[in-house]
Amino acid sequence: MQLRYAGTCRVCAAALPAQAEAIYERSTKTVRCVAHPTDAGASSTVEPVAAPTEMPPSSAPATVETAPAPAELVEAGQPGASARREFERRKAKREERIRTQHPKLGGLILAISDEPQSTTAWAVGARGEEMLGKGLDRLASDTVRVLHDRRIPRTRANIDHLAVTAGGVFVIDAKRYKGRPHLRVDGGFLRPRVERLFIGSRDGTKLVDGVLKQMDVVRGIVGDEVPVRGVLCFLDADWPLLGGSFTTREVESLWPKKLYGHLRAEGPLEAAAIDTLHRSLAAHLPAS
């Protein structure tokens, strides 16, 4: 240690000025030169010519208080990453198959033919997730924390986006379907009421089922006391000028701008709770 006060070496009686490097012995409350070995007091034949100098209490090694380590940053993930990889995988597999079957004409066939719709749908979906992901990232703050493309363990499924806000956790599925989303209700007084989601003439009820399953996974992580809201966000849909959004079985169908308003709304959760939920979701649902 560096002495705050002058002292005397207990072994050789040498004077040790303040600020000198020395060894402080707690058991005897004395100091000695750094040149002496640890057991110098027992083996040395040199007798000290002065009484040991007690060090003032304040000269004892001070406990250095260190600032707590900053919390580890949570990686939000890459929007559309898994869909983009699936598109590239299917595209490469088709190219390999055609070149193998047609060694001479394979390049020409690939140049003049298009990818099948089942393959391009993955690229379209990836682009939609990327577009919505950028919008969500712009909202990021202490009260809006986002995660993208999170894998559901032990399944092949993933969640496009998660937003942890003051109002709760939003489970968001991005879609790029053409047409106008609307709710069709069958049944009534004498028959069971059945709600079905349509986009134009296309039945999209299974999209609602998918979001409900994702909501169940999230509830299993955050608990029943945290509000969990499901969202189908249609980026390219034909929405009317007034109204248009609707909810069926806890899942709201809407467009990006309306979604952003929901995420910025006030709610019961404070920044610390939002941060804790965000970290928990990131730990349980790794990036795809």
Protein backbone atom coordinates (compact mmCIF):
# COMPACT_ATOMS: atom_id res chain seq x y z
CA MET A 1 0.00 0.00 0.00
CA GLN A 2 0.98 3.67 -0.17
CA LEU A 3 1.44 5.18 3.30
CA ARG A 4 -0.68 8.15 4.19
CA TYR A 5 1.49 8.86 7.24
CA ALA A 6 5.22 8.43 7.99
CA GLY A 7 6.22 5.24 9.83
CA THR A 8 9.11 2.98 10.77
CA CYS A 9 9.89 -0.47 9.41
CA ARG A 10 9.44 -3.00 12.24
CA VAL A 11 12.28 -5.16 10.84
CA CYS A 12 15.16 -2.78 10.05
CA ALA A 13 13.89 0.39 11.79
CA ALA A 14 14.24 2.35 8.57
CA ALA A 15 12.18 5.52 8.37
CA LEU A 16 9.32 5.30 5.89
CA PRO A 17 8.06 8.70 4.74
CA ALA A 18 4.46 9.40 3.85
CA GLN A 19 3.46 8.22 0.34
CA ALA A 20 6.18 5.52 0.43
CA GLU A 21 5.31 2.00 -0.69
CA ALA A 22 5.20 -0.37 2.33
CA ILE A 23 3.45 -3.45 3.69
CA TYR A 24 0.89 -2.96 6.46
CA GLU A 25 0.46 -5.89 8.86
CA ARG A 26 -3.03 -5.97 10.33
CA SER A 27 -2.19 -8.39 13.18
CA THR A 28 0.45 -6.08 14.72
CA LYS A 29 -0.73 -2.81 13.18
CA THR A 30 2.85 -2.13 12.01
CA VAL A 31 4.55 -1.52 8.70
CA ARG A 32 7.66 -2.93 7.05
CA CYS A 33 9.68 -2.32 3.92
CA VAL A 34 8.51 -4.09 0.79
CA ALA A 35 12.03 -5.60 0.44
CA HIS A 36 11.60 -7.89 3.46
CA PRO A 37 10.03 -11.34 2.97
CA THR A 38 6.76 -12.16 4.65
CA ASP A 39 8.44 -14.09 7.49
CA ALA A 40 11.21 -11.52 7.97
CA GLY A 41 10.11 -10.80 11.55
CA ALA A 42 10.83 -14.39 12.59
CA SER A 43 14.12 -15.04 10.71
CA SER A 44 15.94 -11.72 10.88
CA THR A 45 18.62 -11.16 13.57
CA VAL A 46 18.33 -7.41 13.31
CA GLU A 47 16.56 -5.97 16.33
CA PRO A 48 14.44 -2.86 15.88
CA VAL A 49 15.91 0.16 17.66
CA ALA A 50 12.65 1.94 18.07
CA ALA A 51 9.25 0.94 19.25
CA PRO A 52 6.87 -0.06 16.52
CA THR A 53 4.98 2.89 15.21
CA GLU A 54 1.25 2.35 15.22
CA MET A 55 -0.42 3.47 12.09
CA PRO A 56 -3.38 5.80 12.49
CA PRO A 57 -6.66 3.97 11.93
CA SER A 58 -7.20 5.95 8.76
CA SER A 59 -4.03 4.49 7.25
CA ALA A 60 -5.51 1.01 6.96
CA PRO A 61 -6.18 -0.02 3.35
CA ALA A 62 -9.40 1.65 2.33
CA THR A 63 -12.19 -0.34 0.79
CA VAL A 64 -12.64 0.86 -2.76
CA GLU A 65 -16.27 1.08 -3.77
CA THR A 66 -16.80 0.23 -7.40
CA ALA A 67 -19.78 1.30 -9.45
CA PRO A 68 -22.14 -1.54 -10.38
CA ALA A 69 -21.51 -2.99 -13.80
CA PRO A 70 -23.87 -1.59 -16.43
CA ALA A 71 -26.74 -3.87 -17.35
CA GLU A 72 -26.03 -6.00 -20.39
CA LEU A 73 -27.69 -4.72 -23.52
CA VAL A 74 -30.42 -6.89 -25.01
CA GLU A 75 -30.02 -7.70 -28.69
CA ALA A 76 -33.35 -6.86 -30.34
CA GLY A 77 -32.82 -9.25 -33.24
CA GLN A 78 -33.03 -8.83 -37.01
CA PRO A 79 -36.54 -8.36 -38.45
CA GLY A 80 -37.40 -10.96 -41.08
CA ALA A 81 -34.14 -12.88 -40.66
CA SER A 82 -35.67 -16.37 -40.56
CA ALA A 83 -38.05 -15.68 -43.47
CA ARG A 84 -35.14 -14.30 -45.51
CA ARG A 85 -33.06 -17.42 -44.80
CA GLU A 86 -35.94 -19.69 -45.82
CA PHE A 87 -36.32 -17.81 -49.11
CA GLU A 88 -32.61 -18.14 -49.86
CA ARG A 89 -32.68 -21.85 -48.95
CA ARG A 90 -35.60 -22.60 -51.27
CA LYS A 91 -34.10 -20.52 -54.06
CA ALA A 92 -30.73 -22.29 -53.81
CA LYS A 93 -32.39 -25.72 -53.67
CA ARG A 94 -34.39 -25.00 -56.85
CA GLU A 95 -31.30 -23.73 -58.65
CA GLU A 96 -29.31 -26.82 -57.68
CA ARG A 97 -32.10 -29.11 -58.84
CA ILE A 98 -32.47 -27.41 -62.23
CA ARG A 99 -28.72 -27.29 -62.91
CA THR A 100 -28.42 -30.97 -61.98
CA GLN A 101 -31.30 -32.02 -64.22
CA HIS A 102 -30.22 -29.76 -67.11
CA PRO A 103 -26.42 -29.39 -67.03
CA LYS A 104 -26.27 -27.47 -70.31
CA LEU A 105 -29.48 -25.44 -70.20
CA GLY A 106 -29.83 -24.95 -66.46
CA GLY A 107 -28.53 -21.37 -66.49
CA LEU A 108 -30.87 -20.40 -69.32
CA ILE A 109 -33.88 -22.01 -67.63
CA LEU A 110 -33.16 -20.10 -64.42
CA ALA A 111 -32.74 -16.83 -66.32
CA ILE A 112 -36.08 -17.00 -68.13
CA SER A 113 -38.21 -18.56 -65.37
CA ASP A 114 -39.54 -17.10 -62.13
CA GLU A 115 -39.37 -18.50 -58.66
CA PRO A 116 -42.58 -20.30 -57.64
CA GLN A 117 -45.03 -18.35 -55.51
CA SER A 118 -44.37 -20.66 -52.57
CA THR A 119 -40.77 -19.39 -52.59
CA THR A 120 -41.35 -15.70 -53.32
CA ALA A 121 -43.92 -15.56 -50.49
CA TRP A 122 -41.04 -15.93 -48.04
CA ALA A 123 -39.22 -12.96 -49.57
CA VAL A 124 -42.40 -10.87 -49.49
CA GLY A 125 -42.97 -11.79 -45.87
CA ALA A 126 -39.39 -10.99 -44.94
CA ARG A 127 -39.65 -7.57 -46.54
CA GLY A 128 -42.85 -6.86 -44.60
CA GLU A 129 -41.21 -7.79 -41.31
CA GLU A 130 -38.21 -5.59 -42.17
CA MET A 131 -40.44 -2.62 -42.97
CA LEU A 132 -42.47 -2.93 -39.78
CA GLY A 133 -39.33 -3.63 -37.76
CA LYS A 134 -37.81 -0.30 -38.81
CA GLY A 135 -40.94 1.53 -37.72
CA LEU A 136 -40.93 -0.23 -34.35
CA ASP A 137 -37.25 0.52 -33.82
CA ARG A 138 -37.94 4.22 -34.27
CA LEU A 139 -40.34 4.05 -31.31
CA ALA A 140 -37.81 2.36 -29.02
CA SER A 141 -37.43 4.11 -25.64
CA ASP A 142 -37.49 3.36 -21.91
CA THR A 143 -41.21 2.63 -22.19
CA VAL A 144 -41.23 0.89 -25.58
CA ARG A 145 -38.85 -2.06 -25.87
CA VAL A 146 -38.93 -4.26 -28.97
CA LEU A 147 -37.76 -7.70 -30.03
CA HIS A 148 -37.75 -9.09 -33.57
CA ASP A 149 -37.98 -12.57 -35.08
CA ARG A 150 -37.99 -14.60 -31.87
CA ARG A 151 -37.87 -18.38 -32.01
CA ILE A 152 -40.36 -20.41 -29.95
CA PRO A 153 -38.29 -23.20 -28.34
CA ARG A 154 -39.00 -26.81 -29.35
CA THR A 155 -40.99 -25.69 -32.39
CA ARG A 156 -40.32 -24.44 -35.90
CA ALA A 157 -42.49 -21.38 -35.28
CA ASN A 158 -41.37 -17.84 -34.56
CA ILE A 159 -42.86 -14.54 -33.44
CA ASP A 160 -42.36 -11.67 -35.89
CA HIS A 161 -42.23 -8.85 -33.31
CA LEU A 162 -42.71 -8.26 -29.60
CA ALA A 163 -43.21 -4.83 -28.05
CA VAL A 164 -43.08 -4.36 -24.28
CA THR A 165 -44.82 -1.12 -23.36
CA ALA A 166 -46.51 0.67 -20.48
CA GLY A 167 -49.76 -0.97 -21.56
CA GLY A 168 -48.37 -4.52 -21.64
CA VAL A 169 -46.79 -6.90 -24.13
CA PHE A 170 -47.86 -6.75 -27.78
CA VAL A 171 -47.48 -9.91 -29.89
CA ILE A 172 -47.28 -8.63 -33.47
CA ASP A 173 -47.60 -10.62 -36.69
CA ALA A 174 -46.71 -8.63 -39.84
CA LYS A 175 -48.62 -9.45 -43.04
CA ARG A 176 -48.42 -8.09 -46.60
CA TYR A 177 -51.77 -9.21 -47.99
CA LYS A 178 -53.69 -7.32 -50.64
CA GLY A 179 -57.38 -6.56 -50.17
CA ARG A 180 -59.45 -5.15 -47.32
CA PRO A 181 -59.37 -6.98 -43.96
CA HIS A 182 -62.83 -7.40 -42.50
CA LEU A 183 -64.70 -9.52 -40.01
CA ARG A 184 -67.42 -11.89 -41.13
CA VAL A 185 -69.82 -13.10 -38.46
CA ASP A 186 -72.01 -16.16 -38.94
CA GLY A 187 -74.68 -17.51 -36.61
CA GLY A 188 -76.77 -15.58 -34.17
CA PHE A 189 -79.69 -16.25 -31.87
CA LEU A 190 -80.33 -19.83 -32.89
CA ARG A 191 -76.85 -20.82 -34.05
CA PRO A 192 -73.44 -20.41 -32.38
CA ARG A 193 -71.73 -17.14 -33.27
CA VAL A 194 -68.67 -17.74 -35.45
CA GLU A 195 -66.23 -14.93 -36.33
CA ARG A 196 -63.95 -15.27 -39.34
CA LEU A 197 -61.25 -12.94 -40.61
CA PHE A 198 -61.19 -12.22 -44.33
CA ILE A 199 -58.75 -10.22 -46.42
CA GLY A 200 -60.76 -9.43 -49.53
CA SER A 201 -62.21 -12.81 -50.45
CA ARG A 202 -59.42 -14.74 -48.76
CA ASP A 203 -60.21 -16.51 -45.49
CA GLY A 204 -57.48 -15.54 -43.00
CA THR A 205 -58.99 -17.03 -39.85
CA LYS A 206 -55.92 -19.24 -39.37
CA LEU A 207 -53.84 -16.08 -38.95
CA VAL A 208 -55.82 -15.30 -35.79
CA ASP A 209 -55.28 -18.86 -34.54
CA GLY A 210 -51.53 -18.43 -35.01
CA VAL A 211 -51.37 -15.21 -33.01
CA LEU A 212 -53.44 -16.74 -30.19
CA LYS A 213 -50.90 -19.57 -29.87
CA GLN A 214 -48.07 -17.04 -29.71
CA MET A 215 -49.94 -15.10 -27.01
CA ASP A 216 -50.22 -18.27 -24.93
CA VAL A 217 -46.44 -18.73 -25.15
CA VAL A 218 -45.83 -15.16 -24.03
CA ARG A 219 -48.31 -15.44 -21.15
CA GLY A 220 -46.43 -18.49 -19.96
CA ILE A 221 -43.33 -16.31 -19.64
CA VAL A 222 -44.66 -13.02 -18.25
CA GLY A 223 -47.54 -14.41 -16.15
CA ASP A 224 -51.25 -13.72 -16.12
CA GLU A 225 -50.95 -10.33 -14.37
CA VAL A 226 -49.24 -8.67 -17.36
CA PRO A 227 -51.61 -7.67 -20.20
CA VAL A 228 -50.80 -9.50 -23.44
CA ARG A 229 -52.33 -8.16 -26.64
CA GLY A 230 -52.35 -9.82 -30.04
CA VAL A 231 -51.97 -7.85 -33.28
CA LEU A 232 -52.21 -8.67 -36.98
CA CYS A 233 -50.58 -5.71 -38.73
CA PHE A 234 -51.44 -5.56 -42.44
CA LEU A 235 -48.97 -3.34 -44.30
CA ASP A 236 -50.39 -3.37 -47.85
CA ALA A 237 -54.08 -3.80 -47.16
CA ASP A 238 -56.86 -1.61 -48.55
CA TRP A 239 -58.01 0.15 -45.39
CA PRO A 240 -60.94 2.60 -45.46
CA LEU A 241 -60.45 6.29 -44.73
CA LEU A 242 -62.48 6.06 -41.53
CA GLY A 243 -62.47 3.18 -39.08
CA GLY A 244 -61.42 -0.18 -40.39
CA SER A 245 -59.61 -1.82 -37.48
CA PHE A 246 -61.40 -4.56 -35.56
CA THR A 247 -60.78 -7.20 -32.91
CA THR A 248 -61.70 -10.85 -33.00
CA ARG A 249 -60.85 -13.32 -30.23
CA GLU A 250 -58.42 -10.89 -28.54
CA VAL A 251 -56.49 -10.23 -31.75
CA GLU A 252 -56.74 -6.77 -33.33
CA SER A 253 -56.33 -6.27 -37.07
CA LEU A 254 -54.90 -2.87 -37.95
CA TRP A 255 -52.22 -0.95 -39.88
CA PRO A 256 -48.76 0.31 -38.75
CA LYS A 257 -49.69 3.89 -37.84
CA LYS A 258 -52.54 2.76 -35.61
CA LEU A 259 -50.28 0.17 -34.01
CA TYR A 260 -47.69 2.83 -33.18
CA GLY A 261 -50.35 4.84 -31.37
CA HIS A 262 -51.22 1.83 -29.20
CA LEU A 263 -47.57 1.27 -28.31
CA ARG A 264 -47.06 4.89 -27.21
CA ALA A 265 -50.18 4.95 -25.02
CA GLU A 266 -49.85 5.27 -21.26
CA GLY A 267 -50.35 2.26 -19.02
CA PRO A 268 -49.70 0.76 -15.59
CA LEU A 269 -46.16 -0.55 -16.26
CA GLU A 270 -43.17 1.63 -15.38
CA ALA A 271 -39.78 1.67 -17.09
CA ALA A 272 -38.14 -0.73 -14.61
CA ALA A 273 -40.88 -3.34 -15.03
CA ILE A 274 -40.76 -2.94 -18.81
CA ASP A 275 -37.00 -3.54 -18.78
CA THR A 276 -37.41 -6.68 -16.65
CA LEU A 277 -40.11 -8.10 -18.93
CA HIS A 278 -38.07 -7.26 -22.01
CA ARG A 279 -35.04 -9.14 -20.68
CA SER A 280 -37.12 -12.11 -19.62
CA LEU A 281 -38.73 -12.44 -23.05
CA ALA A 282 -35.36 -12.11 -24.78
CA ALA A 283 -33.92 -14.88 -22.58
CA HIS A 284 -36.83 -17.29 -23.12
CA LEU A 285 -37.34 -16.54 -26.83
CA PRO A 286 -33.93 -16.39 -28.58
CA ALA A 287 -33.41 -14.60 -31.86
CA SER A 288 -34.09 -16.80 -34.88
